[in-house]
Amino acid sequence: MADTLGLTQLENSEHARQYRVLLVADKLDIGWHHCGTTSDFLGEYFARAAGPSIDMVDARHSIGYILNEILENAVKFRETGDIEVTCSLEDHRFEARIQNVIGAEAAQKFRTYLDGILGRDPGELLLERIEANALDPESGGSGLGLLTLMNDYDARLGWRFDAEHANGRVQLTTVAAFALS
């Protein structure tokens, strides 16, 4: 069973500049520091490949920030297994696909959260979340990361939930795409 939310179709062709990183859980105790290191590396790589008409500093920052936000979610909610990061750049369009395995309960909570934010104005939601967090700092997860990507970076985001067979786990694929300027 597969369930999709948001925009999950990648548009870059097989001729796009591509890079794939596999964070192997068995060999690596995957942690927060891997998010920043991986995001910074890929941001630098793709910023240099973007061409002279693109502001390299801005491209590096934007790519790194977006990848870091999504990778942090993958690490935070990962139940088991590897995390696969695939990125591409074509005609100033950056796309990323991150795959990881999460538990069924976490998948349901995440679907519910996404249902609440998709289709609403991300700027309005961001302000609501900032106000709610200021009023109740003990409320748990801030919820600001994805809203910031949607509002500040005009990122197109999507998620695919593929239920794995008997173990109750879910293969989560997160897609992010945006135009470099």
N, C-alpha and C. Protein backbone atom coordinates (compact mmCIF):
# COMPACT_ATOMS: atom_id res chain seq x y z
N MET A 1 0.84 -1.18 0.00
CA MET A 1 0.00 0.00 0.00
C MET A 1 0.88 1.24 0.00
N ALA A 2 0.65 2.14 -0.92
CA ALA A 2 1.41 3.39 -1.00
C ALA A 2 0.45 4.57 -0.88
N ASP A 3 0.88 5.55 -0.13
CA ASP A 3 0.08 6.75 0.09
C ASP A 3 1.00 7.93 -0.19
N THR A 4 0.54 8.89 -0.99
CA THR A 4 1.37 10.07 -1.28
C THR A 4 0.66 11.33 -0.81
N LEU A 5 1.47 12.26 -0.33
CA LEU A 5 1.00 13.58 0.08
C LEU A 5 1.95 14.61 -0.51
N GLY A 6 1.40 15.71 -0.98
CA GLY A 6 2.23 16.74 -1.58
C GLY A 6 2.62 16.35 -3.00
N LEU A 7 3.70 16.95 -3.47
CA LEU A 7 4.16 16.75 -4.85
C LEU A 7 5.40 15.86 -4.85
N THR A 8 5.25 14.62 -5.29
CA THR A 8 6.35 13.66 -5.21
C THR A 8 7.02 13.37 -6.55
N GLN A 9 6.51 13.93 -7.63
CA GLN A 9 7.12 13.69 -8.94
C GLN A 9 8.40 14.49 -9.11
N LEU A 10 9.49 13.80 -9.39
CA LEU A 10 10.74 14.48 -9.70
C LEU A 10 10.73 14.85 -11.17
N GLU A 11 11.28 16.01 -11.52
CA GLU A 11 11.24 16.50 -12.89
C GLU A 11 12.59 16.46 -13.60
N ASN A 12 13.69 16.47 -12.85
CA ASN A 12 15.00 16.44 -13.49
C ASN A 12 15.17 15.12 -14.24
N SER A 13 15.82 15.20 -15.39
CA SER A 13 16.00 14.02 -16.24
C SER A 13 17.19 13.18 -15.79
N GLU A 14 17.37 12.04 -16.44
CA GLU A 14 18.52 11.18 -16.13
C GLU A 14 19.83 11.84 -16.56
N HIS A 15 19.77 12.93 -17.32
CA HIS A 15 20.96 13.65 -17.75
C HIS A 15 21.39 14.72 -16.76
N ALA A 16 20.60 14.92 -15.72
CA ALA A 16 20.92 15.92 -14.70
C ALA A 16 22.18 15.50 -13.94
N ARG A 17 22.88 16.48 -13.39
CA ARG A 17 24.01 16.18 -12.51
C ARG A 17 23.42 15.53 -11.26
N GLN A 18 23.93 14.36 -10.88
CA GLN A 18 23.36 13.62 -9.76
C GLN A 18 24.43 13.18 -8.78
N TYR A 19 23.98 13.00 -7.54
CA TYR A 19 24.87 12.50 -6.50
C TYR A 19 24.00 11.69 -5.53
N ARG A 20 24.51 10.56 -5.11
CA ARG A 20 23.79 9.69 -4.18
C ARG A 20 24.69 9.36 -3.00
N VAL A 21 24.14 9.50 -1.79
CA VAL A 21 24.85 9.19 -0.56
C VAL A 21 24.00 8.19 0.21
N LEU A 22 24.64 7.14 0.69
CA LEU A 22 23.95 6.15 1.49
C LEU A 22 24.57 6.14 2.88
N LEU A 23 23.79 6.53 3.87
CA LEU A 23 24.25 6.47 5.26
C LEU A 23 23.87 5.08 5.76
N VAL A 24 24.85 4.21 5.88
CA VAL A 24 24.63 2.80 6.20
C VAL A 24 24.56 2.64 7.71
N ALA A 25 23.43 2.20 8.20
CA ALA A 25 23.18 2.10 9.63
C ALA A 25 24.10 1.09 10.32
N ASP A 26 24.42 -0.01 9.65
CA ASP A 26 25.24 -1.04 10.28
C ASP A 26 26.66 -0.56 10.56
N LYS A 27 27.20 0.22 9.67
CA LYS A 27 28.59 0.67 9.79
C LYS A 27 28.70 2.00 10.53
N LEU A 28 27.59 2.68 10.69
CA LEU A 28 27.60 4.05 11.16
C LEU A 28 26.47 4.22 12.16
N ASP A 29 26.77 4.68 13.33
CA ASP A 29 25.70 5.03 14.25
C ASP A 29 25.18 6.39 13.79
N ILE A 30 24.15 6.37 12.96
CA ILE A 30 23.67 7.59 12.31
C ILE A 30 23.18 8.57 13.37
N GLY A 31 23.72 9.78 13.33
CA GLY A 31 23.37 10.80 14.31
C GLY A 31 23.26 12.17 13.69
N TRP A 32 23.02 13.17 14.54
CA TRP A 32 22.81 14.54 14.08
C TRP A 32 23.99 15.08 13.28
N HIS A 33 25.21 14.76 13.72
CA HIS A 33 26.39 15.30 13.03
C HIS A 33 26.47 14.83 11.58
N HIS A 34 25.88 13.69 11.27
CA HIS A 34 25.88 13.23 9.88
C HIS A 34 24.97 14.09 9.01
N CYS A 35 23.93 14.67 9.60
CA CYS A 35 23.02 15.53 8.85
C CYS A 35 23.77 16.77 8.34
N GLY A 36 24.42 17.46 9.25
CA GLY A 36 25.13 18.68 8.88
C GLY A 36 26.28 18.43 7.92
N THR A 37 27.06 17.40 8.18
CA THR A 37 28.20 17.08 7.32
C THR A 37 27.73 16.72 5.91
N THR A 38 26.72 15.87 5.82
CA THR A 38 26.20 15.45 4.52
C THR A 38 25.58 16.63 3.78
N SER A 39 24.79 17.43 4.48
CA SER A 39 24.13 18.58 3.86
C SER A 39 25.14 19.62 3.38
N ASP A 40 26.14 19.90 4.20
CA ASP A 40 27.17 20.86 3.81
C ASP A 40 27.94 20.38 2.58
N PHE A 41 28.30 19.10 2.56
CA PHE A 41 29.03 18.56 1.41
C PHE A 41 28.20 18.67 0.14
N LEU A 42 26.94 18.23 0.19
CA LEU A 42 26.09 18.26 -1.00
C LEU A 42 25.78 19.70 -1.41
N GLY A 43 25.61 20.60 -0.45
CA GLY A 43 25.40 22.01 -0.77
C GLY A 43 26.58 22.60 -1.51
N GLU A 44 27.78 22.30 -1.04
CA GLU A 44 29.00 22.78 -1.70
C GLU A 44 29.13 22.19 -3.11
N TYR A 45 28.91 20.89 -3.22
CA TYR A 45 29.05 20.20 -4.51
C TYR A 45 28.10 20.80 -5.56
N PHE A 46 26.82 20.91 -5.21
CA PHE A 46 25.84 21.39 -6.19
C PHE A 46 25.94 22.89 -6.42
N ALA A 47 26.35 23.66 -5.43
CA ALA A 47 26.53 25.10 -5.63
C ALA A 47 27.64 25.36 -6.65
N ARG A 48 28.71 24.58 -6.58
CA ARG A 48 29.80 24.73 -7.54
C ARG A 48 29.38 24.30 -8.94
N ALA A 49 28.43 23.39 -9.03
CA ALA A 49 27.98 22.89 -10.33
C ALA A 49 26.88 23.75 -10.95
N ALA A 50 26.34 24.70 -10.19
CA ALA A 50 25.17 25.46 -10.64
C ALA A 50 25.47 26.43 -11.78
N GLY A 51 26.70 26.83 -11.91
CA GLY A 51 27.04 27.74 -13.00
C GLY A 51 27.18 29.18 -12.56
N PRO A 52 27.77 30.00 -13.42
CA PRO A 52 28.12 31.38 -13.05
C PRO A 52 26.92 32.31 -12.85
N SER A 53 25.76 31.96 -13.38
CA SER A 53 24.60 32.85 -13.23
C SER A 53 23.91 32.68 -11.87
N ILE A 54 24.36 31.73 -11.08
CA ILE A 54 23.76 31.45 -9.78
C ILE A 54 24.70 31.94 -8.67
N ASP A 55 24.15 32.59 -7.68
CA ASP A 55 24.93 33.03 -6.52
C ASP A 55 25.36 31.78 -5.74
N MET A 56 26.65 31.47 -5.78
CA MET A 56 27.15 30.24 -5.19
C MET A 56 26.94 30.18 -3.67
N VAL A 57 27.14 31.28 -2.98
CA VAL A 57 26.97 31.31 -1.53
C VAL A 57 25.51 31.04 -1.17
N ASP A 58 24.59 31.69 -1.87
CA ASP A 58 23.17 31.49 -1.61
C ASP A 58 22.75 30.06 -1.96
N ALA A 59 23.25 29.54 -3.07
CA ALA A 59 22.91 28.17 -3.48
C ALA A 59 23.41 27.17 -2.44
N ARG A 60 24.64 27.33 -2.00
CA ARG A 60 25.21 26.42 -1.00
C ARG A 60 24.40 26.46 0.29
N HIS A 61 24.05 27.66 0.72
CA HIS A 61 23.26 27.80 1.95
C HIS A 61 21.86 27.17 1.78
N SER A 62 21.19 27.48 0.69
CA SER A 62 19.82 26.98 0.48
C SER A 62 19.78 25.46 0.38
N ILE A 63 20.67 24.90 -0.43
CA ILE A 63 20.70 23.44 -0.57
C ILE A 63 21.04 22.79 0.76
N GLY A 64 22.05 23.31 1.43
CA GLY A 64 22.45 22.75 2.72
C GLY A 64 21.35 22.83 3.76
N TYR A 65 20.66 23.95 3.82
CA TYR A 65 19.60 24.13 4.81
C TYR A 65 18.44 23.16 4.56
N ILE A 66 18.01 23.09 3.31
CA ILE A 66 16.88 22.22 2.97
C ILE A 66 17.24 20.76 3.24
N LEU A 67 18.41 20.33 2.79
CA LEU A 67 18.81 18.94 3.03
C LEU A 67 18.95 18.65 4.52
N ASN A 68 19.51 19.59 5.27
CA ASN A 68 19.70 19.37 6.70
C ASN A 68 18.35 19.20 7.41
N GLU A 69 17.38 20.02 7.08
CA GLU A 69 16.06 19.90 7.71
C GLU A 69 15.44 18.53 7.45
N ILE A 70 15.51 18.08 6.21
CA ILE A 70 14.89 16.79 5.86
C ILE A 70 15.69 15.63 6.45
N LEU A 71 17.01 15.73 6.41
CA LEU A 71 17.83 14.67 7.00
C LEU A 71 17.65 14.58 8.51
N GLU A 72 17.53 15.71 9.18
CA GLU A 72 17.29 15.68 10.62
C GLU A 72 15.98 14.96 10.94
N ASN A 73 14.95 15.19 10.14
CA ASN A 73 13.69 14.46 10.34
C ASN A 73 13.89 12.97 10.10
N ALA A 74 14.65 12.62 9.08
CA ALA A 74 14.89 11.21 8.78
C ALA A 74 15.63 10.53 9.93
N VAL A 75 16.61 11.21 10.51
CA VAL A 75 17.36 10.65 11.64
C VAL A 75 16.49 10.59 12.88
N LYS A 76 15.75 11.66 13.14
CA LYS A 76 14.95 11.75 14.36
C LYS A 76 13.86 10.67 14.41
N PHE A 77 13.22 10.40 13.28
CA PHE A 77 12.08 9.48 13.27
C PHE A 77 12.40 8.11 12.71
N ARG A 78 13.65 7.89 12.30
CA ARG A 78 14.07 6.60 11.73
C ARG A 78 13.92 5.50 12.77
N GLU A 79 13.32 4.41 12.34
CA GLU A 79 13.21 3.28 13.25
C GLU A 79 14.38 2.31 13.07
N THR A 80 14.75 2.07 11.85
CA THR A 80 15.83 1.14 11.57
C THR A 80 16.35 1.37 10.15
N GLY A 81 17.49 0.82 9.85
CA GLY A 81 17.97 0.81 8.47
C GLY A 81 18.74 2.04 8.04
N ASP A 82 19.10 1.99 6.77
CA ASP A 82 19.91 3.02 6.14
C ASP A 82 19.07 4.24 5.78
N ILE A 83 19.76 5.33 5.50
CA ILE A 83 19.12 6.53 4.95
C ILE A 83 19.80 6.80 3.61
N GLU A 84 18.99 6.87 2.58
CA GLU A 84 19.51 7.11 1.23
C GLU A 84 19.14 8.53 0.79
N VAL A 85 20.15 9.27 0.33
CA VAL A 85 19.97 10.64 -0.14
C VAL A 85 20.38 10.69 -1.60
N THR A 86 19.45 11.08 -2.46
CA THR A 86 19.73 11.22 -3.89
C THR A 86 19.38 12.64 -4.30
N CYS A 87 20.33 13.35 -4.92
CA CYS A 87 20.12 14.73 -5.32
C CYS A 87 20.43 14.90 -6.79
N SER A 88 19.81 15.89 -7.41
CA SER A 88 20.11 16.19 -8.80
C SER A 88 19.93 17.69 -9.05
N LEU A 89 20.63 18.16 -10.08
CA LEU A 89 20.56 19.56 -10.48
C LEU A 89 20.49 19.60 -12.00
N GLU A 90 19.49 20.31 -12.50
CA GLU A 90 19.33 20.48 -13.94
C GLU A 90 18.62 21.80 -14.19
N ASP A 91 19.20 22.63 -15.06
CA ASP A 91 18.60 23.93 -15.40
C ASP A 91 18.23 24.73 -14.14
N HIS A 92 19.13 24.78 -13.18
CA HIS A 92 18.97 25.55 -11.95
C HIS A 92 17.86 25.01 -11.05
N ARG A 93 17.39 23.80 -11.32
CA ARG A 93 16.37 23.16 -10.48
C ARG A 93 17.05 22.07 -9.65
N PHE A 94 17.04 22.24 -8.33
CA PHE A 94 17.62 21.27 -7.42
C PHE A 94 16.51 20.37 -6.89
N GLU A 95 16.76 19.07 -6.89
CA GLU A 95 15.80 18.09 -6.36
C GLU A 95 16.53 17.13 -5.43
N ALA A 96 15.83 16.74 -4.37
CA ALA A 96 16.39 15.77 -3.42
C ALA A 96 15.32 14.74 -3.09
N ARG A 97 15.78 13.50 -2.93
CA ARG A 97 14.91 12.42 -2.48
C ARG A 97 15.63 11.73 -1.33
N ILE A 98 14.96 11.62 -0.19
CA ILE A 98 15.54 10.99 0.98
C ILE A 98 14.61 9.86 1.41
N GLN A 99 15.20 8.66 1.57
CA GLN A 99 14.41 7.49 1.94
C GLN A 99 14.92 6.92 3.25
N ASN A 100 13.97 6.57 4.11
CA ASN A 100 14.29 5.94 5.39
C ASN A 100 13.08 5.13 5.85
N VAL A 101 13.27 4.33 6.89
CA VAL A 101 12.20 3.49 7.42
C VAL A 101 11.77 4.04 8.77
N ILE A 102 10.44 4.18 8.93
CA ILE A 102 9.88 4.64 10.19
C ILE A 102 8.83 3.65 10.67
N GLY A 103 8.44 3.76 11.93
CA GLY A 103 7.42 2.89 12.49
C GLY A 103 6.03 3.31 12.02
N ALA A 104 5.08 2.40 12.10
CA ALA A 104 3.71 2.66 11.66
C ALA A 104 3.06 3.79 12.45
N GLU A 105 3.31 3.84 13.76
CA GLU A 105 2.72 4.89 14.59
C GLU A 105 3.28 6.26 14.21
N ALA A 106 4.60 6.35 14.02
CA ALA A 106 5.22 7.60 13.61
C ALA A 106 4.71 8.03 12.23
N ALA A 107 4.52 7.06 11.34
CA ALA A 107 4.01 7.36 10.00
C ALA A 107 2.61 7.97 10.08
N GLN A 108 1.76 7.41 10.93
CA GLN A 108 0.40 7.92 11.06
C GLN A 108 0.39 9.33 11.65
N LYS A 109 1.21 9.57 12.66
CA LYS A 109 1.30 10.91 13.25
C LYS A 109 1.79 11.92 12.22
N PHE A 110 2.79 11.51 11.41
CA PHE A 110 3.34 12.41 10.41
C PHE A 110 2.30 12.71 9.32
N ARG A 111 1.55 11.70 8.88
CA ARG A 111 0.47 11.91 7.90
C ARG A 111 -0.54 12.92 8.43
N THR A 112 -0.91 12.77 9.70
CA THR A 112 -1.88 13.68 10.31
C THR A 112 -1.33 15.11 10.32
N TYR A 113 -0.05 15.26 10.68
CA TYR A 113 0.59 16.58 10.66
C TYR A 113 0.58 17.17 9.25
N LEU A 114 0.96 16.37 8.27
CA LEU A 114 1.01 16.84 6.88
C LEU A 114 -0.37 17.22 6.36
N ASP A 115 -1.39 16.43 6.71
CA ASP A 115 -2.76 16.76 6.31
C ASP A 115 -3.16 18.13 6.85
N GLY A 116 -2.65 18.49 8.02
CA GLY A 116 -2.97 19.77 8.63
C GLY A 116 -2.25 20.96 8.02
N ILE A 117 -1.12 20.72 7.33
CA ILE A 117 -0.38 21.87 6.78
C ILE A 117 -0.51 21.99 5.26
N LEU A 118 -0.69 20.89 4.57
CA LEU A 118 -0.78 20.96 3.10
C LEU A 118 -2.09 21.63 2.70
N GLY A 119 -2.01 22.49 1.73
CA GLY A 119 -3.20 23.18 1.27
C GLY A 119 -3.48 24.48 2.01
N ARG A 120 -2.70 24.77 3.04
CA ARG A 120 -2.84 26.04 3.74
C ARG A 120 -1.66 26.93 3.39
N ASP A 121 -1.79 28.21 3.66
CA ASP A 121 -0.73 29.16 3.39
C ASP A 121 0.43 28.91 4.35
N PRO A 122 1.64 28.56 3.82
CA PRO A 122 2.75 28.25 4.72
C PRO A 122 3.19 29.45 5.57
N GLY A 123 3.08 30.67 5.06
CA GLY A 123 3.46 31.85 5.83
C GLY A 123 2.56 32.04 7.04
N GLU A 124 1.28 31.85 6.83
CA GLU A 124 0.31 31.96 7.92
C GLU A 124 0.55 30.87 8.96
N LEU A 125 0.77 29.64 8.49
CA LEU A 125 1.04 28.53 9.40
C LEU A 125 2.33 28.73 10.20
N LEU A 126 3.34 29.27 9.54
CA LEU A 126 4.62 29.53 10.20
C LEU A 126 4.43 30.51 11.35
N LEU A 127 3.70 31.59 11.11
CA LEU A 127 3.43 32.56 12.17
C LEU A 127 2.63 31.93 13.32
N GLU A 128 1.63 31.13 12.97
CA GLU A 128 0.83 30.44 14.01
C GLU A 128 1.73 29.55 14.87
N ARG A 129 2.63 28.80 14.20
CA ARG A 129 3.50 27.86 14.93
C ARG A 129 4.49 28.60 15.82
N ILE A 130 5.04 29.72 15.32
CA ILE A 130 5.97 30.52 16.12
C ILE A 130 5.26 31.05 17.36
N GLU A 131 4.03 31.56 17.18
CA GLU A 131 3.26 32.06 18.31
C GLU A 131 2.95 30.94 19.31
N ALA A 132 2.53 29.79 18.81
CA ALA A 132 2.19 28.65 19.68
C ALA A 132 3.42 28.19 20.46
N ASN A 133 4.57 28.12 19.81
CA ASN A 133 5.80 27.71 20.49
C ASN A 133 6.22 28.73 21.55
N ALA A 134 6.00 30.02 21.26
CA ALA A 134 6.36 31.05 22.24
C ALA A 134 5.46 30.97 23.47
N LEU A 135 4.19 30.63 23.27
CA LEU A 135 3.26 30.52 24.39
C LEU A 135 3.47 29.26 25.21
N ASP A 136 3.93 28.18 24.56
CA ASP A 136 4.12 26.91 25.25
C ASP A 136 5.41 26.25 24.80
N PRO A 137 6.55 26.67 25.38
CA PRO A 137 7.83 26.11 24.96
C PRO A 137 7.99 24.62 25.28
N GLU A 138 7.12 24.09 26.13
CA GLU A 138 7.18 22.66 26.50
C GLU A 138 6.31 21.80 25.59
N SER A 139 5.79 22.36 24.52
CA SER A 139 4.80 21.66 23.70
C SER A 139 5.37 20.51 22.89
N GLY A 140 6.67 20.31 22.86
CA GLY A 140 7.24 19.24 22.04
C GLY A 140 7.74 19.80 20.73
N GLY A 141 7.81 18.97 19.71
CA GLY A 141 8.36 19.34 18.41
C GLY A 141 7.89 20.69 17.92
N SER A 142 8.79 21.47 17.42
CA SER A 142 8.46 22.84 17.05
C SER A 142 7.61 22.91 15.79
N GLY A 143 7.82 22.00 14.83
CA GLY A 143 7.05 22.03 13.59
C GLY A 143 7.44 23.16 12.66
N LEU A 144 8.55 23.83 12.93
CA LEU A 144 8.94 24.97 12.12
C LEU A 144 9.72 24.60 10.86
N GLY A 145 10.43 23.47 10.88
CA GLY A 145 11.33 23.12 9.79
C GLY A 145 10.67 23.06 8.43
N LEU A 146 9.66 22.22 8.28
CA LEU A 146 9.00 22.06 6.97
C LEU A 146 8.29 23.34 6.55
N LEU A 147 7.69 24.04 7.52
CA LEU A 147 7.01 25.29 7.19
C LEU A 147 8.00 26.34 6.69
N THR A 148 9.19 26.38 7.28
CA THR A 148 10.23 27.30 6.83
C THR A 148 10.65 26.97 5.40
N LEU A 149 10.81 25.68 5.11
CA LEU A 149 11.19 25.29 3.75
C LEU A 149 10.14 25.73 2.74
N MET A 150 8.88 25.55 3.08
CA MET A 150 7.80 25.91 2.17
C MET A 150 7.67 27.42 2.02
N ASN A 151 7.80 28.15 3.12
CA ASN A 151 7.59 29.59 3.09
C ASN A 151 8.81 30.36 2.62
N ASP A 152 9.96 30.13 3.24
CA ASP A 152 11.14 30.94 2.96
C ASP A 152 11.90 30.51 1.71
N TYR A 153 11.81 29.23 1.36
CA TYR A 153 12.58 28.73 0.21
C TYR A 153 11.69 28.34 -0.96
N ASP A 154 10.40 28.50 -0.80
CA ASP A 154 9.44 28.13 -1.84
C ASP A 154 9.69 26.70 -2.33
N ALA A 155 10.04 25.83 -1.38
CA ALA A 155 10.33 24.44 -1.72
C ALA A 155 9.03 23.68 -1.97
N ARG A 156 9.07 22.87 -3.00
CA ARG A 156 7.97 21.96 -3.28
C ARG A 156 8.30 20.67 -2.54
N LEU A 157 7.41 20.24 -1.67
CA LEU A 157 7.67 19.06 -0.84
C LEU A 157 6.62 17.98 -1.09
N GLY A 158 7.04 16.73 -0.93
CA GLY A 158 6.11 15.62 -1.05
C GLY A 158 6.62 14.41 -0.29
N TRP A 159 5.70 13.51 0.04
CA TRP A 159 6.04 12.33 0.81
C TRP A 159 5.30 11.13 0.26
N ARG A 160 5.99 10.01 0.25
CA ARG A 160 5.39 8.74 -0.14
C ARG A 160 5.59 7.76 1.01
N PHE A 161 4.50 7.16 1.45
CA PHE A 161 4.52 6.18 2.53
C PHE A 161 4.23 4.81 1.92
N ASP A 162 5.21 3.92 1.96
CA ASP A 162 5.04 2.56 1.46
C ASP A 162 5.10 1.60 2.64
N ALA A 163 3.97 0.97 2.94
CA ALA A 163 3.93 0.01 4.05
C ALA A 163 4.77 -1.20 3.69
N GLU A 164 5.68 -1.55 4.60
CA GLU A 164 6.45 -2.78 4.42
C GLU A 164 5.58 -3.93 4.92
N HIS A 165 5.90 -5.12 4.54
CA HIS A 165 5.01 -6.26 4.77
C HIS A 165 4.73 -6.53 6.25
N ALA A 166 5.11 -7.61 6.79
CA ALA A 166 4.68 -8.10 8.10
C ALA A 166 5.22 -7.31 9.29
N ASN A 167 6.29 -6.56 9.12
CA ASN A 167 6.92 -5.93 10.28
C ASN A 167 6.26 -4.63 10.73
N GLY A 168 5.29 -4.12 10.01
CA GLY A 168 4.59 -2.91 10.42
C GLY A 168 5.35 -1.62 10.18
N ARG A 169 6.49 -1.69 9.58
CA ARG A 169 7.28 -0.49 9.31
C ARG A 169 6.85 0.14 7.99
N VAL A 170 7.27 1.38 7.81
CA VAL A 170 6.88 2.14 6.62
C VAL A 170 8.14 2.72 5.98
N GLN A 171 8.28 2.50 4.68
CA GLN A 171 9.36 3.13 3.91
C GLN A 171 8.87 4.53 3.56
N LEU A 172 9.56 5.55 4.06
CA LEU A 172 9.18 6.94 3.81
C LEU A 172 10.13 7.54 2.79
N THR A 173 9.57 8.10 1.75
CA THR A 173 10.34 8.85 0.75
C THR A 173 9.91 10.29 0.83
N THR A 174 10.87 11.17 1.08
CA THR A 174 10.61 12.61 1.13
C THR A 174 11.26 13.25 -0.09
N VAL A 175 10.51 14.09 -0.76
CA VAL A 175 11.00 14.78 -1.96
C VAL A 175 10.97 16.28 -1.70
N ALA A 176 12.03 16.96 -2.07
CA ALA A 176 12.10 18.41 -1.99
C ALA A 176 12.68 18.93 -3.29
N ALA A 177 12.10 20.00 -3.81
CA ALA A 177 12.59 20.60 -5.05
C ALA A 177 12.41 22.11 -4.96
N PHE A 178 13.39 22.83 -5.53
CA PHE A 178 13.28 24.29 -5.60
C PHE A 178 14.23 24.81 -6.66
N ALA A 179 13.98 26.03 -7.09
CA ALA A 179 14.80 26.68 -8.11
C ALA A 179 15.90 27.49 -7.45
N LEU A 180 17.12 27.33 -7.94
CA LEU A 180 18.24 28.14 -7.47
C LEU A 180 18.15 29.51 -8.16
N SER A 181 18.54 30.55 -7.44
CA SER A 181 18.50 31.88 -8.06
C SER A 181 19.83 32.59 -7.89
